[in-house]
Protein backbone atom coordinates (compact mmCIF):
# COMPACT_ATOMS: atom_id res chain seq x y z
CA MET A 1 102.91 195.36 328.02
CA THR A 2 101.78 194.63 324.49
CA GLY A 3 98.32 194.65 322.97
CA ILE A 4 96.34 192.00 321.19
CA VAL A 5 95.89 191.62 317.44
CA HIS A 6 92.45 190.60 316.21
CA LEU A 7 92.65 188.84 312.82
CA ILE A 8 89.12 189.44 311.60
CA GLY A 9 87.21 188.13 308.61
CA ALA A 10 85.19 191.06 307.24
CA GLY A 11 83.04 188.80 305.07
CA PRO A 12 82.40 188.99 301.34
CA GLY A 13 81.42 192.65 301.23
CA ALA A 14 77.98 193.38 302.66
CA PRO A 15 78.46 195.03 306.07
CA ASP A 16 75.46 193.23 307.58
CA LEU A 17 77.23 189.90 307.04
CA LEU A 18 79.79 190.70 309.74
CA THR A 19 79.58 188.46 312.79
CA LEU A 20 78.71 190.03 316.13
CA ARG A 21 82.17 189.11 317.44
CA ALA A 22 83.78 190.91 314.50
CA LEU A 23 81.63 193.99 314.98
CA ARG A 24 82.44 194.24 318.69
CA ALA A 25 86.16 193.92 318.05
CA ILE A 26 86.06 196.60 315.34
CA GLU A 27 84.14 198.96 317.61
CA GLU A 28 86.90 198.59 320.25
CA ALA A 29 89.79 199.10 317.81
CA ASP A 30 92.67 201.42 318.65
CA VAL A 31 94.08 201.04 315.13
CA VAL A 32 92.81 199.27 312.01
CA VAL A 33 94.92 197.56 309.34
CA TYR A 34 92.76 196.64 306.36
CA ASP A 35 92.82 194.99 302.95
CA ARG A 36 91.57 196.26 299.59
CA LEU A 37 88.28 194.36 299.68
CA VAL A 38 87.12 195.75 303.03
CA SER A 39 84.35 198.25 302.38
CA SER A 40 84.23 201.78 303.73
CA GLU A 41 80.94 200.90 305.46
CA ILE A 42 82.74 198.27 307.54
CA LEU A 43 85.65 200.60 308.30
CA ASP A 44 83.16 203.14 309.59
CA PHE A 45 82.29 200.82 312.47
CA ALA A 46 85.72 201.60 313.96
CA PRO A 47 86.08 204.58 316.31
CA SER A 48 86.90 207.79 314.47
CA ARG A 49 89.99 208.23 316.66
CA ALA A 50 91.50 204.93 315.45
CA PRO A 51 94.10 205.33 312.68
CA ARG A 52 93.39 203.32 309.52
CA ILE A 53 96.26 201.75 307.61
CA ASP A 54 95.66 200.48 304.07
CA VAL A 55 97.82 197.46 303.18
CA GLY A 56 95.63 196.22 300.34
CA LYS A 57 96.93 194.17 297.45
CA ALA A 58 95.63 193.64 293.94
CA SER A 59 96.73 191.19 291.26
CA GLY A 60 100.27 192.16 290.29
CA ASP A 61 100.24 195.13 292.66
CA HIS A 62 101.56 194.53 296.20
CA PRO A 63 102.57 197.95 297.55
CA VAL A 64 103.01 196.48 301.05
CA PRO A 65 104.61 193.01 300.86
CA GLN A 66 103.37 190.38 303.28
CA HIS A 67 106.53 190.33 305.39
CA ARG A 68 106.13 194.06 306.00
CA ILE A 69 102.51 193.57 307.02
CA ASN A 70 103.61 190.90 309.49
CA ASP A 71 106.20 193.24 311.02
CA LEU A 72 103.72 196.13 311.06
CA LEU A 73 101.28 194.14 313.18
CA VAL A 74 104.00 193.39 315.72
CA ARG A 75 105.03 197.06 315.92
CA LEU A 76 101.44 198.19 316.33
CA ALA A 77 100.84 195.65 319.11
CA HIS A 78 103.70 197.26 321.06
CA ARG A 79 101.97 200.62 320.74
CA TYR A 80 98.22 199.93 320.89
CA GLY A 81 95.99 197.79 323.09
CA HIS A 82 93.57 196.56 320.40
CA VAL A 83 94.96 196.12 316.89
CA VAL A 84 92.31 195.12 314.34
CA ARG A 85 93.49 193.40 311.17
CA LEU A 86 90.60 193.29 308.71
CA LYS A 87 90.59 190.84 305.83
CA GLY A 88 87.94 190.21 303.19
CA GLY A 89 86.05 186.96 303.56
CA ASP A 90 87.58 184.61 306.12
CA PRO A 91 91.17 185.21 307.28
CA LEU A 92 92.07 181.51 307.01
CA ILE A 93 90.71 180.91 303.49
CA PHE A 94 93.19 182.33 300.97
CA GLY A 95 93.64 185.28 303.31
CA ARG A 96 97.18 184.59 304.59
CA GLY A 97 95.83 184.83 308.10
CA GLY A 98 97.79 181.73 309.03
CA GLU A 99 101.05 183.42 308.10
CA GLU A 100 100.23 186.48 310.16
CA ALA A 101 99.16 184.37 313.14
CA ALA A 102 102.40 182.37 312.97
CA HIS A 103 104.49 185.55 312.87
CA LEU A 104 102.61 187.04 315.82
CA ALA A 105 103.04 183.86 317.83
CA ALA A 106 106.77 183.74 317.06
CA SER A 107 107.06 187.37 318.18
CA GLY A 108 105.26 186.75 321.46
CA ILE A 109 102.20 188.81 320.49
CA ALA A 110 98.75 187.77 321.68
CA PHE A 111 96.16 187.35 318.94
CA ASP A 112 92.77 185.91 318.23
CA ILE A 113 91.06 184.93 314.99
CA VAL A 114 87.49 185.93 314.18
CA PRO A 115 86.06 183.90 311.30
CA GLY A 116 84.15 185.53 308.49
CA ILE A 117 81.76 184.45 305.76
CA THR A 118 83.85 183.50 302.77
CA ALA A 119 82.97 184.69 299.26
CA ALA A 120 81.64 181.33 298.09
CA GLN A 121 79.12 181.23 300.91
CA GLY A 122 78.05 184.81 300.31
CA ALA A 123 77.65 184.33 296.56
CA ALA A 124 75.80 181.05 297.02
CA ALA A 125 73.34 182.64 299.44
CA GLU A 126 72.69 185.54 297.07
CA LEU A 127 71.94 183.11 294.23
CA ALA A 128 70.17 180.49 296.40
CA LEU A 129 72.76 178.08 295.03
CA PRO A 130 73.22 174.91 297.12
CA LEU A 131 76.95 174.30 297.25
CA THR A 132 76.20 170.74 298.36
CA ILE A 133 72.98 168.91 297.63
CA ARG A 134 72.12 165.31 298.31
CA GLY A 135 72.61 163.04 295.32
CA VAL A 136 74.10 165.80 293.15
CA ALA A 137 77.03 167.46 294.93
CA THR A 138 78.43 165.48 297.85
CA GLY A 139 81.56 167.57 298.29
CA LEU A 140 82.82 171.14 298.10
CA ARG A 141 86.34 172.38 297.40
CA TYR A 142 87.74 175.88 297.73
CA VAL A 143 90.44 176.31 295.11
CA THR A 144 92.91 179.11 294.47
CA GLY A 145 93.16 180.16 290.84
CA HIS A 146 96.32 182.16 291.42
CA ARG A 147 99.83 181.41 292.60
CA GLN A 148 102.33 183.67 294.36
CA ASN A 149 104.42 185.73 291.93
CA ASN A 150 102.21 184.43 289.10
CA GLY A 151 103.80 181.00 289.37
CA ALA A 152 102.54 177.94 287.55
CA LEU A 153 99.33 176.40 288.84
CA ASP A 154 100.01 173.01 290.42
CA LEU A 155 96.48 172.05 291.43
CA ASP A 156 95.10 168.57 292.03
CA TRP A 157 93.68 168.30 288.53
CA THR A 158 92.55 164.70 289.02
CA GLY A 159 90.64 165.55 292.16
CA LEU A 160 89.06 168.58 290.52
CA GLY A 161 87.58 166.28 287.89
CA ASP A 162 85.17 164.67 290.36
CA PRO A 163 81.66 165.31 288.94
CA GLN A 164 80.05 165.23 292.40
CA THR A 165 82.23 168.00 293.80
CA THR A 166 81.28 171.66 293.63
CA LEU A 167 84.29 173.87 292.99
CA ALA A 168 84.62 177.44 294.23
CA ILE A 169 87.58 178.99 292.44
CA TYR A 170 88.98 182.18 293.97
CA MET A 171 91.21 184.71 292.20
CA GLY A 172 90.93 182.76 288.95
CA LEU A 173 89.82 185.37 286.42
CA SER A 174 93.09 185.49 284.46
CA ASN A 175 93.85 181.77 284.76
CA MET A 176 90.36 180.37 284.22
CA PRO A 177 91.01 179.28 280.60
CA GLU A 178 93.99 177.20 281.73
CA ILE A 179 92.06 175.80 284.70
CA ALA A 180 89.12 174.79 282.50
CA ARG A 181 91.33 173.10 279.92
CA ALA A 182 93.18 171.11 282.58
CA MET A 183 89.96 170.01 284.28
CA ILE A 184 88.42 168.92 280.99
CA ALA A 185 91.59 167.00 280.16
CA GLN A 186 91.15 165.11 283.45
CA GLY A 187 87.63 164.10 282.51
CA ARG A 188 85.40 166.88 283.82
CA ASP A 189 82.50 167.36 281.40
CA PRO A 190 82.91 170.64 279.47
CA GLN A 191 79.12 171.06 279.78
CA THR A 192 79.33 171.21 283.59
CA PRO A 193 77.24 174.22 284.72
CA ALA A 194 79.22 177.25 285.92
CA VAL A 195 78.67 180.77 287.15
CA ALA A 196 81.08 183.68 287.57
CA VAL A 197 80.17 186.13 290.34
CA SER A 198 81.75 189.58 290.56
CA CYS A 199 81.76 191.58 293.81
CA ALA A 200 79.53 189.09 295.61
CA THR A 201 76.96 190.45 298.12
CA THR A 202 77.67 194.09 297.26
CA PRO A 203 75.47 196.49 295.27
CA GLN A 204 77.95 196.02 292.40
CA GLN A 205 77.38 192.25 292.22
CA ARG A 206 77.12 190.85 288.69
CA CYS A 207 76.80 187.27 287.49
CA ALA A 208 77.57 185.49 284.24
CA PHE A 209 76.31 181.96 283.59
CA GLY A 210 77.81 179.35 281.31
CA VAL A 211 79.46 175.96 281.38
CA LEU A 212 82.99 174.88 282.20
CA GLY A 213 83.99 175.01 278.54
CA ASP A 214 83.00 178.63 277.98
CA ILE A 215 82.68 180.40 281.36
CA ALA A 216 86.13 181.99 281.07
CA ASP A 217 85.22 183.60 277.72
CA ILE A 218 81.81 184.67 279.00
CA ALA A 219 83.28 186.30 282.12
CA ARG A 220 85.85 188.14 280.01
CA GLY A 221 83.21 189.23 277.51
CA GLU A 222 81.03 190.60 280.31
CA GLN A 223 84.04 192.54 281.63
CA LEU A 224 83.35 191.41 285.18
CA ALA A 225 85.15 193.50 287.76
CA SER A 226 87.50 191.88 290.27
CA PRO A 227 87.08 190.08 292.59
CA VAL A 228 85.48 187.30 290.57
CA LEU A 229 84.55 183.93 292.01
CA PHE A 230 83.79 180.93 289.79
CA ILE A 231 81.43 178.22 291.04
CA ILE A 232 81.44 175.07 288.94
CA GLY A 233 79.35 171.94 289.34
CA GLU A 234 75.98 170.33 288.80
CA ALA A 235 74.63 172.22 291.83
CA VAL A 236 74.68 175.42 289.77
CA GLU A 237 71.68 174.09 287.83
CA ARG A 238 69.67 174.06 291.08
CA ILE A 239 69.57 177.87 291.24
CA PRO A 240 65.91 179.02 291.29
CA ALA A 241 64.42 180.86 288.36
CA ARG A 242 65.18 184.56 288.18
CA GLY A 243 61.68 185.51 289.30
CA GLU A 244 62.05 183.39 292.42
CA LEU A 245 65.36 185.11 293.17
CA ALA A 246 63.65 188.49 292.90
CA ILE A 247 61.06 187.37 295.46
CA LYS A 248 63.85 186.15 297.76
CA ALA A 249 65.63 189.52 297.51
CA GLU A 250 62.41 191.45 298.17
CA HIS A 251 61.72 189.46 301.35
CA ARG A 252 65.30 189.92 302.50
CA ASP A 253 65.14 193.68 302.00
CA ASP A 254 61.84 193.86 303.87
CA ALA A 255 63.33 191.94 306.78
CA LEU A 256 66.31 194.31 306.98
CA ALA A 257 64.16 197.45 306.75
């Protein structure tokens, strides 16, 4: 008999943004395999008896390559009943959850996928930023700002130039100058509002505001810590005034108390 592997989205960082399904699976874990962006608070939901295996990656630093993670999950499923694989955000949005699911299926291992709140949703909620808004932003695109092995970006630059599409650019801190130049060359207005959000939904969250033409320089000047998400589009201008955001945060904290 083999166990089951739960591919779980741990959300953007705040532990109270876990889904109930994710929490229940973590509480039943026999072993936990987790990524770099999974907080210690979330790991603490797992039973103390469950071993914890860190397979986290950072930009340019992959101590456990993906193929080894895939094989590790198969080995653990032959040993444990409930294997929990924790990924930041959602496992199927730039989380390589699809690759792990395919490997498990090919190996005859049962698995399920528990969705999580992706970073763009978490950051947008914190800022009260409408990712889509009638008459202003009729579409939303999640875009990777990084390629495997630091390869050349081959994005749909024409499509990214659509002024009615909000862009959420993940893992783009180092490549944002190139991304901005290419988008502007395809007709996107360099004055398009933009915000860079570091460590969204966590106590370490920081934001830097600008426009497409300068947001990369602003984010670098602010020394924003990774992970940094860029949100670009006219919808960014619909963020409430800072005082209104403070009221929103106060009410949220009261509700959680």
